[in-house]
Protein backbone atom coordinates (compact mmCIF):
# COMPACT_ATOMS: atom_id res chain seq x y z
CA UNK A 1 131.68 10.14 -17.85
CA UNK A 2 129.42 7.32 -16.69
CA UNK A 3 126.79 6.26 -19.23
CA UNK A 4 124.03 3.68 -19.08
CA UNK A 5 122.38 1.40 -21.63
CA UNK A 6 119.21 -0.64 -21.24
CA UNK A 7 118.65 -3.88 -23.12
CA UNK A 8 115.93 -6.51 -23.18
CA UNK A 9 116.18 -10.24 -23.81
CA UNK A 10 114.46 -13.53 -23.14
CA UNK A 11 116.74 -13.95 -20.11
CA UNK A 12 118.97 -11.65 -18.06
CA UNK A 13 122.06 -13.32 -19.56
CA UNK A 14 120.84 -12.71 -23.14
CA UNK A 15 120.11 -9.06 -22.35
CA UNK A 16 123.57 -8.60 -20.78
CA UNK A 17 125.24 -10.30 -23.77
CA UNK A 18 123.36 -8.00 -26.17
CA UNK A 19 124.46 -4.91 -24.24
CA UNK A 20 128.11 -6.02 -24.14
CA UNK A 21 128.06 -6.81 -27.88
CA UNK A 22 126.66 -3.36 -28.71
CA UNK A 23 129.19 -1.58 -26.51
CA UNK A 24 132.13 -3.79 -27.43
CA UNK A 25 133.00 -4.23 -23.74
CA UNK A 26 133.75 -7.20 -21.45
CA UNK A 27 131.62 -8.21 -18.48
CA UNK A 28 134.17 -6.80 -16.01
CA UNK A 29 134.00 -3.39 -17.73
CA UNK A 30 130.40 -2.74 -16.71
CA UNK A 31 128.11 -2.93 -13.71
CA UNK A 32 124.71 -4.55 -14.25
CA UNK A 33 121.37 -3.71 -12.70
CA UNK A 34 118.36 -5.96 -13.21
CA UNK A 35 115.49 -3.60 -14.10
CA UNK A 36 112.88 -6.30 -14.71
CA UNK A 37 113.19 -10.05 -14.52
CA UNK A 38 111.88 -12.26 -17.30
CA UNK A 39 108.40 -13.70 -16.83
CA UNK A 40 107.35 -16.87 -18.65
CA UNK A 41 103.63 -16.34 -18.11
CA UNK A 42 101.07 -19.10 -18.43
CA UNK A 43 101.03 -20.89 -21.79
CA UNK A 44 102.87 -17.91 -23.21
CA UNK A 45 100.24 -15.43 -22.01
CA UNK A 46 101.56 -12.59 -19.93
CA UNK A 47 105.19 -13.37 -20.76
CA UNK A 48 107.62 -10.47 -20.65
CA UNK A 49 111.34 -10.17 -21.44
CA UNK A 50 114.10 -9.42 -18.98
CA UNK A 51 115.33 -5.81 -18.91
CA UNK A 52 118.78 -4.88 -17.64
CA UNK A 53 120.71 -1.62 -17.34
CA UNK A 54 124.50 -1.53 -17.68
CA UNK A 55 126.66 1.34 -16.45
CA UNK A 56 130.04 1.97 -18.04
CA UNK A 57 132.74 4.60 -18.27
CA UNK A 58 132.80 6.52 -21.57
CA UNK A 59 135.22 9.13 -22.77
CA UNK A 60 134.12 12.73 -22.33
CA UNK A 61 133.34 14.56 -25.54
CA UNK A 62 136.25 16.73 -26.57
CA UNK A 63 135.50 20.31 -27.54
CA UNK A 64 138.24 21.88 -29.62
CA UNK A 65 139.20 25.40 -28.64
CA UNK A 66 141.38 27.86 -30.51
CA UNK A 67 145.03 27.59 -29.61
CA UNK A 68 146.40 30.75 -28.05
CA UNK A 69 150.13 31.25 -28.04
CA UNK A 70 151.49 31.69 -24.57
CA UNK A 71 154.77 32.01 -22.81
CA UNK A 72 156.23 28.61 -21.87
CA UNK A 73 155.27 27.86 -18.31
CA UNK A 74 157.58 26.20 -15.85
CA UNK A 75 156.74 22.54 -15.28
CA UNK A 76 154.83 21.97 -12.07
CA UNK A 77 156.90 20.09 -9.52
CA UNK A 78 155.80 16.46 -9.22
CA UNK A 79 155.10 15.05 -5.78
CA UNK A 80 158.07 12.97 -4.74
CA UNK A 81 155.91 10.27 -3.18
CA UNK A 82 153.30 9.78 -5.89
CA UNK A 83 153.93 8.02 -9.22
CA UNK A 84 152.20 8.82 -12.51
CA UNK A 85 149.93 5.79 -11.98
CA UNK A 86 148.93 6.99 -8.52
CA UNK A 87 148.18 10.46 -9.85
CA UNK A 88 145.98 9.03 -12.62
CA UNK A 89 144.08 6.84 -10.16
CA UNK A 90 143.62 9.77 -7.78
CA UNK A 91 142.38 12.02 -10.58
CA UNK A 92 139.82 9.51 -11.87
CA UNK A 93 138.48 8.46 -8.48
CA UNK A 94 138.29 12.02 -7.17
CA UNK A 95 136.22 13.03 -10.20
CA UNK A 96 133.97 9.98 -9.90
CA UNK A 97 133.31 10.51 -6.19
CA UNK A 98 132.66 14.19 -6.78
CA UNK A 99 129.97 13.30 -9.34
CA UNK A 100 128.47 10.92 -6.79
CA UNK A 101 128.32 13.76 -4.30
CA UNK A 102 130.73 12.10 -1.86
CA UNK A 103 133.65 13.86 -0.20
CA UNK A 104 136.35 11.38 0.75
CA UNK A 105 140.06 10.95 1.37
CA UNK A 106 142.07 8.60 -0.86
CA UNK A 107 145.00 6.59 0.46
CA UNK A 108 146.96 4.92 -2.37
CA UNK A 109 149.81 2.45 -1.98
CA UNK A 110 151.33 -0.78 -3.36
CA UNK A 111 149.86 -4.21 -2.67
CA UNK A 112 152.03 -6.87 -1.07
CA UNK A 113 151.42 -9.29 -3.97
CA UNK A 114 151.58 -6.68 -6.73
CA UNK A 115 149.14 -4.09 -7.97
CA UNK A 116 147.81 -1.05 -6.15
CA UNK A 117 145.55 -0.60 -3.13
CA UNK A 118 143.19 2.36 -2.77
CA UNK A 119 141.39 2.94 0.54
CA UNK A 120 138.55 5.46 0.58
CA UNK A 121 137.58 7.06 3.89
CA UNK A 122 135.21 9.78 5.04
CA UNK A 123 131.53 10.36 5.71
CA UNK A 124 128.82 8.55 3.79
CA UNK A 125 130.84 5.42 3.02
CA UNK A 126 127.63 3.41 2.94
CA UNK A 127 126.84 4.97 -0.44
CA UNK A 128 130.30 3.97 -1.69
CA UNK A 129 130.03 0.36 -0.47
CA UNK A 130 126.42 -0.33 -1.48
CA UNK A 131 124.47 -3.50 -0.85
CA UNK A 132 126.96 -6.27 -0.07
CA UNK A 133 129.72 -4.22 -1.71
CA UNK A 134 128.07 -4.04 -5.16
CA UNK A 135 128.68 -0.29 -5.58
CA UNK A 136 132.26 -0.68 -4.38
CA UNK A 137 132.81 -3.46 -6.95
CA UNK A 138 131.40 -1.23 -9.71
CA UNK A 139 133.74 1.61 -8.71
CA UNK A 140 136.68 -0.81 -8.75
CA UNK A 141 135.76 -2.11 -12.23
CA UNK A 142 135.43 1.43 -13.59
CA UNK A 143 138.76 2.49 -12.08
CA UNK A 144 140.62 -0.51 -13.53
CA UNK A 145 139.05 0.10 -16.95
CA UNK A 146 139.77 3.84 -17.00
CA UNK A 147 143.37 3.60 -15.79
CA UNK A 148 144.41 0.53 -17.82
CA UNK A 149 142.68 1.59 -21.04
CA UNK A 150 145.24 2.10 -23.78
CA UNK A 151 148.14 1.08 -21.53
CA UNK A 152 150.74 -1.51 -22.53
CA UNK A 153 150.86 -2.92 -19.01
CA UNK A 154 147.88 -4.02 -16.94
CA UNK A 155 147.88 -3.39 -13.21
CA UNK A 156 145.21 -4.57 -10.81
CA UNK A 157 143.73 -1.80 -8.67
CA UNK A 158 141.87 -2.86 -5.53
CA UNK A 159 139.45 -0.22 -4.21
CA UNK A 160 138.29 -0.52 -0.60
CA UNK A 161 136.26 1.69 1.73
CA UNK A 162 137.30 1.78 5.38
CA UNK A 163 138.58 -1.82 5.16
CA UNK A 164 135.18 -3.20 4.13
CA UNK A 165 136.72 -5.98 2.01
CA UNK A 166 138.93 -7.39 4.77
CA UNK A 167 136.01 -7.27 7.23
CA UNK A 168 133.75 -8.96 4.66
CA UNK A 169 136.40 -11.65 4.01
CA UNK A 170 136.63 -12.40 7.74
CA UNK A 171 132.85 -12.62 7.96
CA UNK A 172 132.62 -14.92 4.91
CA UNK A 173 135.41 -17.17 6.21
CA UNK A 174 133.59 -17.61 9.53
CA UNK A 175 130.34 -18.31 7.66
CA UNK A 176 132.07 -20.89 5.44
CA UNK A 177 133.45 -22.80 8.44
CA UNK A 178 130.10 -22.66 10.22
CA UNK A 179 128.32 -24.13 7.18
CA UNK A 180 131.04 -26.77 6.80
CA UNK A 181 130.53 -27.87 10.41
CA UNK A 182 126.78 -28.10 9.79
CA UNK A 183 127.31 -30.16 6.64
CA UNK A 184 129.50 -32.61 8.57
CA UNK A 185 127.16 -32.73 11.58
CA UNK A 186 124.00 -33.38 9.56
CA UNK A 187 125.79 -35.26 6.74
CA UNK A 188 124.06 -33.20 4.05
CA UNK A 189 124.75 -30.40 1.59
CA UNK A 190 124.31 -26.81 2.73
CA UNK A 191 123.51 -24.03 0.21
CA UNK A 192 124.62 -20.50 1.00
CA UNK A 193 122.86 -17.29 -0.05
CA UNK A 194 123.52 -15.95 -3.57
CA UNK A 195 126.90 -14.21 -3.81
CA UNK A 196 128.99 -12.43 -6.40
CA UNK A 197 132.06 -14.10 -7.93
CA UNK A 198 134.51 -12.52 -5.47
CA UNK A 199 132.55 -13.66 -2.41
CA UNK A 200 132.15 -17.17 -3.81
CA UNK A 201 135.89 -17.29 -4.37
CA UNK A 202 136.47 -16.42 -0.70
CA UNK A 203 134.18 -19.31 0.37
CA UNK A 204 135.90 -21.81 -1.96
CA UNK A 205 139.34 -20.72 -0.72
CA UNK A 206 138.35 -20.90 2.95
CA UNK A 207 137.19 -24.53 2.59
CA UNK A 208 139.60 -25.89 -0.02
CA UNK A 209 141.54 -27.84 2.65
CA UNK A 210 138.67 -28.35 5.10
CA UNK A 211 138.42 -32.07 5.86
CA UNK A 212 135.03 -33.69 5.32
CA UNK A 213 133.52 -31.22 2.85
CA UNK A 214 133.85 -30.03 -0.70
CA UNK A 215 132.44 -26.94 -2.40
CA UNK A 216 130.80 -26.19 -5.75
CA UNK A 217 128.74 -23.41 -7.30
CA UNK A 218 125.28 -23.69 -8.77
CA UNK A 219 122.72 -21.43 -10.45
CA UNK A 220 123.08 -18.45 -12.76
CA UNK A 221 123.79 -14.81 -12.02
CA UNK A 222 122.60 -12.98 -10.04
CA UNK A 223 121.41 -16.02 -8.06
CA UNK A 224 124.58 -18.13 -8.28
CA UNK A 225 125.53 -19.59 -4.91
CA UNK A 226 128.04 -21.90 -3.21
CA UNK A 227 127.00 -25.36 -2.01
CA UNK A 228 129.02 -26.97 0.79
CA UNK A 229 128.70 -30.76 0.49
CA UNK A 230 129.49 -33.48 3.02
CA UNK A 231 132.09 -36.02 1.87
CA UNK A 232 131.67 -39.56 3.21
CA UNK A 233 134.73 -41.06 4.81
CA UNK A 234 138.16 -39.46 4.96
CA UNK A 235 139.42 -37.75 1.87
CA UNK A 236 142.82 -36.11 1.73
CA UNK A 237 143.01 -32.52 0.67
CA UNK A 238 145.19 -33.50 -2.29
CA UNK A 239 142.30 -35.52 -3.73
CA UNK A 240 139.59 -32.95 -3.12
CA UNK A 241 138.31 -31.15 -6.22
CA UNK A 242 139.54 -27.58 -6.30
CA UNK A 243 137.16 -24.96 -7.63
CA UNK A 244 138.66 -22.58 -10.18
CA UNK A 245 135.52 -20.51 -10.35
CA UNK A 246 135.88 -16.74 -10.31
CA UNK A 247 132.60 -15.93 -12.06
């Protein structure tokens, strides 16, 4: 089941760290909602802490029932085209979407570079995707946590809704090149809107070999953003700094 926990701190980062420490979870295991931002006030008057709410997947409470002897039942035939991993993913996601009140079809298959792809389709996909894919990212984090928990092998599960991620990647790549052209034309740095770690990674990747510019990230979550900077003179791609940022 999905549970939530609210925490307060002097900053959003401190509140998130306190919540993760109490739950014993990593940042990728939870989705974070900023309930109230920290206010410094004037000379300490009117100051208020930041309040955040984290959502995470918790095990359902087990209710023991008396064991009743029964005749051995024949094993149910397993679908020939669905592995145990696929069945577990389908079971978890179907239950999660049902609790969200969304009826959808799940298409599960292998990724070209390893891992598993899940595409969700149906009516009301806007509720699944959320603002700039934030709900979709939370669903993906929960699915990876639930399926990989207690397993000896870790597999990456990518959850998409009607190809939103590929469309978003195309849009971000075009935006990155547009901002790079502006940086070169005006010979100045161009700051993009705040983005999550995945979207920033797409921007960095799109411009890593783009002549005349370099990229970096600045700020703190949830306002961390990419800055596209003009590079004077010619600089080969082999000498350009490569961002390793994923967070």
